[in-house]
Amino acid sequence: MRIVGVIPSRWGSTRFPGKSLAPICGRPLVLWVVEAVRRAECLDEVIVATDDERIAEVVEGCGCGVSVVMTPPELPSGTDRVAVAAKPDDDDIVINIQGDEPLIEPSLIEALALRLKSESGFKMATAASPITSLQDLESRSIVKVVCDAEGGALYFSRLPIPCRRDGAPDFESGLYWRHLGIYAYRGEFLKRLVQEPPCSLERCESLEQLRALYIGGRIAVLQTNHVGVGVDNPEDVAHVEELMRRSGVCGAE
């Protein structure tokens, strides 16, 4: 069994084309992500999956000891890109790590791998952090998740779930969780998942993980206080750089 971390890194981001090479504290964004992911001791291999030679050249030239796999630009999703790059055996664990989060916690990657290794009833694992404000609960750009008694996902939605019928949401109740976009898959399930067409729920909510639930794949949800901070558009660069300076990841310019 291998545990493989894959970082999808496309050039053609709708909101921020070429963001993988955007300078963050003087280095391309993708190299910060690679550096963080390599600190996860559980990984047997780290792969950057890209559709662009410019990104491949930067990663190959950094001497970071990671693999680069060129993937077709027309793939429909990041999950497809991960599957193509990892070429997993059935008993492998493949972890899909967002390519725009330079502050990803290596311990979170390790915890997701451990969850799948130790709990055979789950086909996938992901993570969620507490929602503590009405603004975040009501935001459609923040995906919510509700879980069963064993910590398995029941449903993901862009709308506030669960809905409190009477009164305002109680943020001390522990009911409201924000889904984080990191996934661990069993190799056999990842291969099946990318062969399935998008289901009606996935198309409605524009959430790939609903396809996994729809075909009967149980998803373990790891609760964490880590909140991913991604670079979605050029305006996010200054904010992320400030967070990195505060955390000591990079020094003051």
C-alpha atoms as a PDB file:
ATOM      1  CA  MET A   1       0.000   0.000   0.000  1.00  0.00           C
ATOM      2  CA  ARG A   2       1.220   3.466  -0.921  1.00  0.00           C
ATOM      3  CA  ILE A   3       0.058   6.760   0.549  1.00  0.00           C
ATOM      4  CA  VAL A   4       0.338   9.364  -2.193  1.00  0.00           C
ATOM      5  CA  GLY A   5      -0.237  13.104  -1.912  1.00  0.00           C
ATOM      6  CA  VAL A   6      -1.336  14.768  -5.145  1.00  0.00           C
ATOM      7  CA  ILE A   7      -1.400  18.548  -5.657  1.00  0.00           C
ATOM      8  CA  PRO A   8      -3.518  19.502  -8.709  1.00  0.00           C
ATOM      9  CA  SER A   9      -2.052  22.659 -10.222  1.00  0.00           C
ATOM     10  CA  ARG A  10      -3.822  24.021 -13.305  1.00  0.00           C
ATOM     11  CA  TRP A  11      -2.871  27.139 -15.201  1.00  0.00           C
ATOM     12  CA  GLY A  12      -6.371  28.128 -16.271  1.00  0.00           C
ATOM     13  CA  SER A  13      -8.015  29.201 -13.020  1.00  0.00           C
ATOM     14  CA  THR A  14     -11.132  31.196 -13.862  1.00  0.00           C
ATOM     15  CA  ARG A  15     -10.621  33.844 -11.181  1.00  0.00           C
ATOM     16  CA  PHE A  16      -6.814  33.895 -11.221  1.00  0.00           C
ATOM     17  CA  PRO A  17      -5.108  32.439 -14.322  1.00  0.00           C
ATOM     18  CA  GLY A  18      -1.569  31.257 -13.596  1.00  0.00           C
ATOM     19  CA  LYS A  19      -2.001  31.578  -9.844  1.00  0.00           C
ATOM     20  CA  SER A  20       0.193  28.530  -9.196  1.00  0.00           C
ATOM     21  CA  LEU A  21       3.184  30.679 -10.183  1.00  0.00           C
ATOM     22  CA  ALA A  22       1.990  33.860  -8.463  1.00  0.00           C
ATOM     23  CA  PRO A  23       4.759  35.123  -6.161  1.00  0.00           C
ATOM     24  CA  ILE A  24       3.949  34.715  -2.463  1.00  0.00           C
ATOM     25  CA  CYS A  25       6.649  36.189  -0.234  1.00  0.00           C
ATOM     26  CA  GLY A  26       8.984  35.997  -3.226  1.00  0.00           C
ATOM     27  CA  ARG A  27       8.337  32.346  -4.206  1.00  0.00           C
ATOM     28  CA  PRO A  28       5.756  30.762  -6.531  1.00  0.00           C
ATOM     29  CA  LEU A  29       2.620  29.697  -4.702  1.00  0.00           C
ATOM     30  CA  VAL A  30       2.925  26.059  -5.776  1.00  0.00           C
ATOM     31  CA  LEU A  31       6.352  25.730  -4.119  1.00  0.00           C
ATOM     32  CA  TRP A  32       4.959  26.843  -0.758  1.00  0.00           C
ATOM     33  CA  VAL A  33       2.275  24.157  -1.047  1.00  0.00           C
ATOM     34  CA  VAL A  34       4.842  21.530  -2.029  1.00  0.00           C
ATOM     35  CA  GLU A  35       7.038  22.457   0.929  1.00  0.00           C
ATOM     36  CA  ALA A  36       4.133  22.122   3.387  1.00  0.00           C
ATOM     37  CA  VAL A  37       2.923  18.822   1.943  1.00  0.00           C
ATOM     38  CA  ARG A  38       6.398  17.277   2.053  1.00  0.00           C
ATOM     39  CA  ARG A  39       6.391  17.751   5.830  1.00  0.00           C
ATOM     40  CA  ALA A  40       3.601  15.155   6.130  1.00  0.00           C
ATOM     41  CA  GLU A  41       5.605  12.120   7.212  1.00  0.00           C
ATOM     42  CA  CYS A  42       2.946   9.603   6.160  1.00  0.00           C
ATOM     43  CA  LEU A  43       3.392  10.238   2.434  1.00  0.00           C
ATOM     44  CA  ASP A  44       5.377   7.784   0.336  1.00  0.00           C
ATOM     45  CA  GLU A  45       5.232  10.081  -2.680  1.00  0.00           C
ATOM     46  CA  VAL A  46       4.196  13.642  -3.519  1.00  0.00           C
ATOM     47  CA  ILE A  47       3.004  14.438  -7.043  1.00  0.00           C
ATOM     48  CA  VAL A  48       2.213  17.774  -8.652  1.00  0.00           C
ATOM     49  CA  ALA A  49      -0.399  17.150 -11.360  1.00  0.00           C
ATOM     50  CA  THR A  50      -0.375  19.948 -13.895  1.00  0.00           C
ATOM     51  CA  ASP A  51      -1.503  20.737 -17.420  1.00  0.00           C
ATOM     52  CA  ASP A  52       1.107  23.439 -18.026  1.00  0.00           C
ATOM     53  CA  GLU A  53       4.803  23.202 -18.880  1.00  0.00           C
ATOM     54  CA  ARG A  54       5.580  26.449 -17.048  1.00  0.00           C
ATOM     55  CA  ILE A  55       4.346  25.018 -13.752  1.00  0.00           C
ATOM     56  CA  ALA A  56       6.122  21.721 -14.414  1.00  0.00           C
ATOM     57  CA  GLU A  57       9.411  23.524 -15.093  1.00  0.00           C
ATOM     58  CA  VAL A  58       9.254  25.475 -11.825  1.00  0.00           C
ATOM     59  CA  VAL A  59       8.473  22.393  -9.732  1.00  0.00           C
ATOM     60  CA  GLU A  60      11.071  20.205 -11.446  1.00  0.00           C
ATOM     61  CA  GLY A  61      13.679  22.933 -11.012  1.00  0.00           C
ATOM     62  CA  CYS A  62      13.155  23.436  -7.298  1.00  0.00           C
ATOM     63  CA  GLY A  63      14.983  20.279  -6.219  1.00  0.00           C
ATOM     64  CA  CYS A  64      12.149  19.427  -3.832  1.00  0.00           C
ATOM     65  CA  GLY A  65      12.150  15.700  -4.542  1.00  0.00           C
ATOM     66  CA  VAL A  66       8.561  15.573  -5.798  1.00  0.00           C
ATOM     67  CA  SER A  67       7.232  14.071  -9.005  1.00  0.00           C
ATOM     68  CA  VAL A  68       5.533  16.049 -11.773  1.00  0.00           C
ATOM     69  CA  VAL A  69       2.874  14.417 -13.932  1.00  0.00           C
ATOM     70  CA  MET A  70       1.511  16.177 -16.992  1.00  0.00           C
ATOM     71  CA  THR A  71      -2.260  15.720 -17.250  1.00  0.00           C
ATOM     72  CA  PRO A  72      -4.655  16.611 -20.077  1.00  0.00           C
ATOM     73  CA  PRO A  73      -6.078  20.157 -19.832  1.00  0.00           C
ATOM     74  CA  GLU A  74      -9.617  19.042 -20.691  1.00  0.00           C
ATOM     75  CA  LEU A  75     -10.176  16.891 -17.582  1.00  0.00           C
ATOM     76  CA  PRO A  76     -13.542  17.748 -15.975  1.00  0.00           C
ATOM     77  CA  SER A  77     -12.397  18.065 -12.358  1.00  0.00           C
ATOM     78  CA  GLY A  78      -9.531  18.085  -9.901  1.00  0.00           C
ATOM     79  CA  THR A  79     -10.541  14.587  -8.818  1.00  0.00           C
ATOM     80  CA  ASP A  80     -10.008  13.321 -12.376  1.00  0.00           C
ATOM     81  CA  ARG A  81      -6.614  15.033 -12.469  1.00  0.00           C
ATOM     82  CA  VAL A  82      -5.639  13.329  -9.207  1.00  0.00           C
ATOM     83  CA  ALA A  83      -6.721   9.905 -10.457  1.00  0.00           C
ATOM     84  CA  VAL A  84      -4.795  10.294 -13.720  1.00  0.00           C
ATOM     85  CA  ALA A  85      -1.640  11.419 -11.911  1.00  0.00           C
ATOM     86  CA  ALA A  86      -1.672   8.876  -9.061  1.00  0.00           C
ATOM     87  CA  LYS A  87      -2.608   5.761 -11.099  1.00  0.00           C
ATOM     88  CA  PRO A  88      -3.508   4.073  -7.799  1.00  0.00           C
ATOM     89  CA  ASP A  89      -3.653   0.412  -6.948  1.00  0.00           C
ATOM     90  CA  ASP A  90      -6.813  -0.657  -5.174  1.00  0.00           C
ATOM     91  CA  ASP A  91      -5.249  -0.647  -1.688  1.00  0.00           C
ATOM     92  CA  ASP A  92      -3.474   2.709  -2.058  1.00  0.00           C
ATOM     93  CA  ILE A  93      -4.556   5.843  -0.229  1.00  0.00           C
ATOM     94  CA  VAL A  94      -4.521   8.975  -2.381  1.00  0.00           C
ATOM     95  CA  ILE A  95      -4.779  12.424  -0.814  1.00  0.00           C
ATOM     96  CA  ASN A  96      -5.993  15.343  -2.917  1.00  0.00           C
ATOM     97  CA  ILE A  97      -4.439  18.566  -1.576  1.00  0.00           C
ATOM     98  CA  GLN A  98      -5.547  21.962  -2.845  1.00  0.00           C
ATOM     99  CA  GLY A  99      -2.792  23.636  -4.852  1.00  0.00           C
ATOM    100  CA  ASP A 100      -3.638  27.129  -3.595  1.00  0.00           C
ATOM    101  CA  GLU A 101      -3.271  26.630   0.186  1.00  0.00           C
ATOM    102  CA  PRO A 102       0.304  27.420   1.256  1.00  0.00           C
ATOM    103  CA  LEU A 103      -0.630  27.117   4.944  1.00  0.00           C
ATOM    104  CA  ILE A 104      -1.998  23.574   4.768  1.00  0.00           C
ATOM    105  CA  GLU A 105      -1.189  21.698   7.991  1.00  0.00           C
ATOM    106  CA  PRO A 106       0.905  18.540   7.451  1.00  0.00           C
ATOM    107  CA  SER A 107      -0.739  17.059  10.550  1.00  0.00           C
ATOM    108  CA  LEU A 108      -4.139  17.273   8.837  1.00  0.00           C
ATOM    109  CA  ILE A 109      -2.838  15.238   5.885  1.00  0.00           C
ATOM    110  CA  GLU A 110      -1.471  12.651   8.310  1.00  0.00           C
ATOM    111  CA  ALA A 111      -4.746  12.467  10.234  1.00  0.00           C
ATOM    112  CA  LEU A 112      -6.786  11.862   7.079  1.00  0.00           C
ATOM    113  CA  ALA A 113      -4.494   9.028   5.986  1.00  0.00           C
ATOM    114  CA  LEU A 114      -4.701   7.463   9.442  1.00  0.00           C
ATOM    115  CA  ARG A 115      -8.505   7.682   9.436  1.00  0.00           C
ATOM    116  CA  LEU A 116      -8.727   5.627   6.242  1.00  0.00           C
ATOM    117  CA  LYS A 117      -6.062   3.171   7.375  1.00  0.00           C
ATOM    118  CA  SER A 118      -7.821   2.500  10.672  1.00  0.00           C
ATOM    119  CA  GLU A 119     -11.509   2.565   9.650  1.00  0.00           C
ATOM    120  CA  SER A 120     -12.235   0.193   6.810  1.00  0.00           C
ATOM    121  CA  GLY A 121     -15.909   1.187   6.497  1.00  0.00           C
ATOM    122  CA  PHE A 122     -15.051   4.490   4.849  1.00  0.00           C
ATOM    123  CA  LYS A 123     -14.160   4.924   1.181  1.00  0.00           C
ATOM    124  CA  MET A 124     -13.029   8.544   1.558  1.00  0.00           C
ATOM    125  CA  ALA A 125     -12.058  11.005   4.271  1.00  0.00           C
ATOM    126  CA  THR A 126     -12.238  14.783   4.416  1.00  0.00           C
ATOM    127  CA  ALA A 127     -12.199  17.517   7.043  1.00  0.00           C
ATOM    128  CA  ALA A 128     -14.424  20.192   8.546  1.00  0.00           C
ATOM    129  CA  SER A 129     -14.001  23.059  10.995  1.00  0.00           C
ATOM    130  CA  PRO A 130     -16.584  24.757  13.239  1.00  0.00           C
ATOM    131  CA  ILE A 131     -18.756  27.545  11.841  1.00  0.00           C
ATOM    132  CA  THR A 132     -19.035  30.343  14.380  1.00  0.00           C
ATOM    133  CA  SER A 133     -20.803  33.172  12.539  1.00  0.00           C
ATOM    134  CA  LEU A 134     -24.107  33.689  10.771  1.00  0.00           C
ATOM    135  CA  GLN A 135     -22.280  35.261   7.830  1.00  0.00           C
ATOM    136  CA  ASP A 136     -20.290  32.069   7.204  1.00  0.00           C
ATOM    137  CA  LEU A 137     -23.321  29.857   7.759  1.00  0.00           C
ATOM    138  CA  GLU A 138     -25.338  31.750   5.158  1.00  0.00           C
ATOM    139  CA  SER A 139     -22.532  32.138   2.594  1.00  0.00           C
ATOM    140  CA  ARG A 140     -23.029  29.937  -0.475  1.00  0.00           C
ATOM    141  CA  SER A 141     -19.296  29.903  -1.110  1.00  0.00           C
ATOM    142  CA  ILE A 142     -18.778  28.065   2.206  1.00  0.00           C
ATOM    143  CA  VAL A 143     -19.871  24.438   2.016  1.00  0.00           C
ATOM    144  CA  LYS A 144     -21.586  22.944   5.047  1.00  0.00           C
ATOM    145  CA  VAL A 145     -21.602  19.290   6.139  1.00  0.00           C
ATOM    146  CA  VAL A 146     -23.714  17.274   8.582  1.00  0.00           C
ATOM    147  CA  CYS A 147     -22.574  13.906   9.963  1.00  0.00           C
ATOM    148  CA  ASP A 148     -23.898  10.702  11.444  1.00  0.00           C
ATOM    149  CA  ALA A 149     -23.055   9.185  14.838  1.00  0.00           C
ATOM    150  CA  GLU A 150     -19.813   7.668  13.500  1.00  0.00           C
ATOM    151  CA  GLY A 151     -18.543  10.899  11.973  1.00  0.00           C
ATOM    152  CA  GLY A 152     -19.559   9.977   8.450  1.00  0.00           C
ATOM    153  CA  ALA A 153     -20.955  12.612   6.103  1.00  0.00           C
ATOM    154  CA  LEU A 154     -24.729  12.570   5.654  1.00  0.00           C
ATOM    155  CA  TYR A 155     -24.880  15.517   3.249  1.00  0.00           C
ATOM    156  CA  PHE A 156     -22.978  18.559   1.989  1.00  0.00           C
ATOM    157  CA  SER A 157     -24.711  21.786   0.953  1.00  0.00           C
ATOM    158  CA  ARG A 158     -24.095  25.408   0.127  1.00  0.00           C
ATOM    159  CA  LEU A 159     -27.184  26.304   2.164  1.00  0.00           C
ATOM    160  CA  PRO A 160     -27.228  26.392   5.990  1.00  0.00           C
ATOM    161  CA  ILE A 161     -27.588  22.849   7.308  1.00  0.00           C
ATOM    162  CA  PRO A 162     -28.954  21.736   9.654  1.00  0.00           C
ATOM    163  CA  CYS A 163     -31.783  24.261   9.528  1.00  0.00           C
ATOM    164  CA  ARG A 164     -32.988  25.308  12.963  1.00  0.00           C
ATOM    165  CA  ARG A 165     -36.749  25.499  12.611  1.00  0.00           C
ATOM    166  CA  ASP A 166     -37.343  27.767  15.612  1.00  0.00           C
ATOM    167  CA  GLY A 167     -35.096  30.680  16.468  1.00  0.00           C
ATOM    168  CA  ALA A 168     -31.600  31.715  15.450  1.00  0.00           C
ATOM    169  CA  PRO A 169     -28.765  29.203  14.933  1.00  0.00           C
ATOM    170  CA  ASP A 170     -26.999  28.201  18.144  1.00  0.00           C
ATOM    171  CA  PHE A 171     -23.277  28.272  17.396  1.00  0.00           C
ATOM    172  CA  GLU A 172     -22.474  26.713  20.783  1.00  0.00           C
ATOM    173  CA  SER A 173     -24.400  23.565  19.826  1.00  0.00           C
ATOM    174  CA  GLY A 174     -21.633  22.036  17.694  1.00  0.00           C
ATOM    175  CA  LEU A 175     -24.059  21.471  14.833  1.00  0.00           C
ATOM    176  CA  TYR A 176     -22.514  23.727  12.199  1.00  0.00           C
ATOM    177  CA  TRP A 177     -19.445  22.599  10.275  1.00  0.00           C
ATOM    178  CA  ARG A 178     -17.563  24.118   7.350  1.00  0.00           C
ATOM    179  CA  HIS A 179     -16.230  21.605   4.837  1.00  0.00           C
ATOM    180  CA  LEU A 180     -12.552  21.931   3.931  1.00  0.00           C
ATOM    181  CA  GLY A 181     -11.508  20.999   0.396  1.00  0.00           C
ATOM    182  CA  ILE A 182      -9.064  18.193   1.131  1.00  0.00           C
ATOM    183  CA  TYR A 183      -9.852  14.545   0.373  1.00  0.00           C
ATOM    184  CA  ALA A 184      -8.340  11.144   0.984  1.00  0.00           C
ATOM    185  CA  TYR A 185      -9.554   8.276  -1.216  1.00  0.00           C
ATOM    186  CA  ARG A 186      -9.070   4.543  -1.256  1.00  0.00           C
ATOM    187  CA  GLY A 187      -7.528   3.718  -4.617  1.00  0.00           C
ATOM    188  CA  GLU A 188     -10.290   1.361  -5.711  1.00  0.00           C
ATOM    189  CA  PHE A 189     -12.990   3.907  -4.895  1.00  0.00           C
ATOM    190  CA  LEU A 190     -11.183   6.780  -6.607  1.00  0.00           C
ATOM    191  CA  LYS A 191     -11.034   4.757  -9.800  1.00  0.00           C
ATOM    192  CA  ARG A 192     -14.737   3.989  -9.557  1.00  0.00           C
ATOM    193  CA  LEU A 193     -15.650   7.576  -8.714  1.00  0.00           C
ATOM    194  CA  VAL A 194     -14.121   9.112 -11.825  1.00  0.00           C
ATOM    195  CA  GLN A 195     -15.939   6.583 -14.006  1.00  0.00           C
ATOM    196  CA  GLU A 196     -19.343   7.658 -12.676  1.00  0.00           C
ATOM    197  CA  PRO A 197     -21.237  10.514 -14.347  1.00  0.00           C
ATOM    198  CA  PRO A 198     -22.172  13.558 -12.239  1.00  0.00           C
ATOM    199  CA  CYS A 199     -25.407  12.893 -10.374  1.00  0.00           C
ATOM    200  CA  SER A 200     -28.326  15.320 -10.148  1.00  0.00           C
ATOM    201  CA  LEU A 201     -27.360  16.401  -6.616  1.00  0.00           C
ATOM    202  CA  GLU A 202     -23.812  17.195  -7.718  1.00  0.00           C
ATOM    203  CA  ARG A 203     -25.050  19.219 -10.671  1.00  0.00           C
ATOM    204  CA  CYS A 204     -27.548  21.092  -8.484  1.00  0.00           C
ATOM    205  CA  GLU A 205     -25.096  22.072  -5.721  1.00  0.00           C
ATOM    206  CA  SER A 206     -21.929  22.004  -7.868  1.00  0.00           C
ATOM    207  CA  LEU A 207     -20.241  19.750  -5.296  1.00  0.00           C
ATOM    208  CA  GLU A 208     -18.268  16.721  -6.498  1.00  0.00           C
ATOM    209  CA  GLN A 209     -18.369  14.941  -3.135  1.00  0.00           C
ATOM    210  CA  LEU A 210     -22.123  14.422  -3.495  1.00  0.00           C
ATOM    211  CA  ARG A 211     -21.388  11.958  -6.309  1.00  0.00           C
ATOM    212  CA  ALA A 212     -19.495   9.790  -3.803  1.00  0.00           C
ATOM    213  CA  LEU A 213     -22.425   9.773  -1.375  1.00  0.00           C
ATOM    214  CA  TYR A 214     -24.890   9.178  -4.202  1.00  0.00           C
ATOM    215  CA  ILE A 215     -23.162   5.948  -5.258  1.00  0.00           C
ATOM    216  CA  GLY A 216     -22.932   4.728  -1.667  1.00  0.00           C
ATOM    217  CA  GLY A 217     -19.400   5.732  -0.699  1.00  0.00           C
ATOM    218  CA  ARG A 218     -19.106   6.601   2.981  1.00  0.00           C
ATOM    219  CA  ILE A 219     -16.996   9.690   3.699  1.00  0.00           C
ATOM    220  CA  ALA A 220     -15.326  10.099   7.095  1.00  0.00           C
ATOM    221  CA  VAL A 221     -15.262  13.719   8.293  1.00  0.00           C
ATOM    222  CA  LEU A 222     -12.325  14.681  10.490  1.00  0.00           C
ATOM    223  CA  GLN A 223     -13.119  17.564  12.828  1.00  0.00           C
ATOM    224  CA  THR A 224     -10.358  20.159  13.060  1.00  0.00           C
ATOM    225  CA  ASN A 225      -9.844  23.764  14.090  1.00  0.00           C
ATOM    226  CA  HIS A 226      -7.658  24.302  11.026  1.00  0.00           C
ATOM    227  CA  VAL A 227      -9.335  26.615   8.521  1.00  0.00           C
ATOM    228  CA  GLY A 228      -7.835  26.483   5.064  1.00  0.00           C
ATOM    229  CA  VAL A 229      -6.728  29.817   3.635  1.00  0.00           C
ATOM    230  CA  GLY A 230      -6.595  29.701  -0.137  1.00  0.00           C
ATOM    231  CA  VAL A 231      -5.506  32.074  -2.883  1.00  0.00           C
ATOM    232  CA  ASP A 232      -8.657  32.307  -5.005  1.00  0.00           C
ATOM    233  CA  ASN A 233      -7.996  35.660  -6.680  1.00  0.00           C
ATOM    234  CA  PRO A 234      -5.210  38.286  -6.875  1.00  0.00           C
ATOM    235  CA  GLU A 235      -6.681  40.222  -3.952  1.00  0.00           C
ATOM    236  CA  ASP A 236      -5.998  37.247  -1.638  1.00  0.00           C
ATOM    237  CA  VAL A 237      -2.216  37.411  -2.103  1.00  0.00           C
ATOM    238  CA  ALA A 238      -1.575  40.242   0.358  1.00  0.00           C
ATOM    239  CA  HIS A 239      -3.800  38.614   2.997  1.00  0.00           C
ATOM    240  CA  VAL A 240      -2.064  35.245   2.700  1.00  0.00           C
ATOM    241  CA  GLU A 241       1.376  36.861   2.807  1.00  0.00           C
ATOM    242  CA  GLU A 242       0.438  38.655   6.022  1.00  0.00           C
ATOM    243  CA  LEU A 243      -0.763  35.390   7.599  1.00  0.00           C
ATOM    244  CA  MET A 244       2.459  33.689   6.556  1.00  0.00           C
ATOM    245  CA  ARG A 245       4.559  36.447   8.105  1.00  0.00           C
ATOM    246  CA  ARG A 246       2.587  36.264  11.343  1.00  0.00           C
ATOM    247  CA  SER A 247       3.080  32.507  11.508  1.00  0.00           C
ATOM    248  CA  GLY A 248       6.797  32.827  10.776  1.00  0.00           C
ATOM    249  CA  VAL A 249       6.578  30.881   7.505  1.00  0.00           C
ATOM    250  CA  CYS A 250       8.207  33.769   5.656  1.00  0.00           C
ATOM    251  CA  GLY A 251       9.977  36.874   6.901  1.00  0.00           C
ATOM    252  CA  ALA A 252       9.115  40.512   6.356  1.00  0.00           C
ATOM    253  CA  GLU A 253       9.978  41.845   2.940  1.00  0.00           C
END
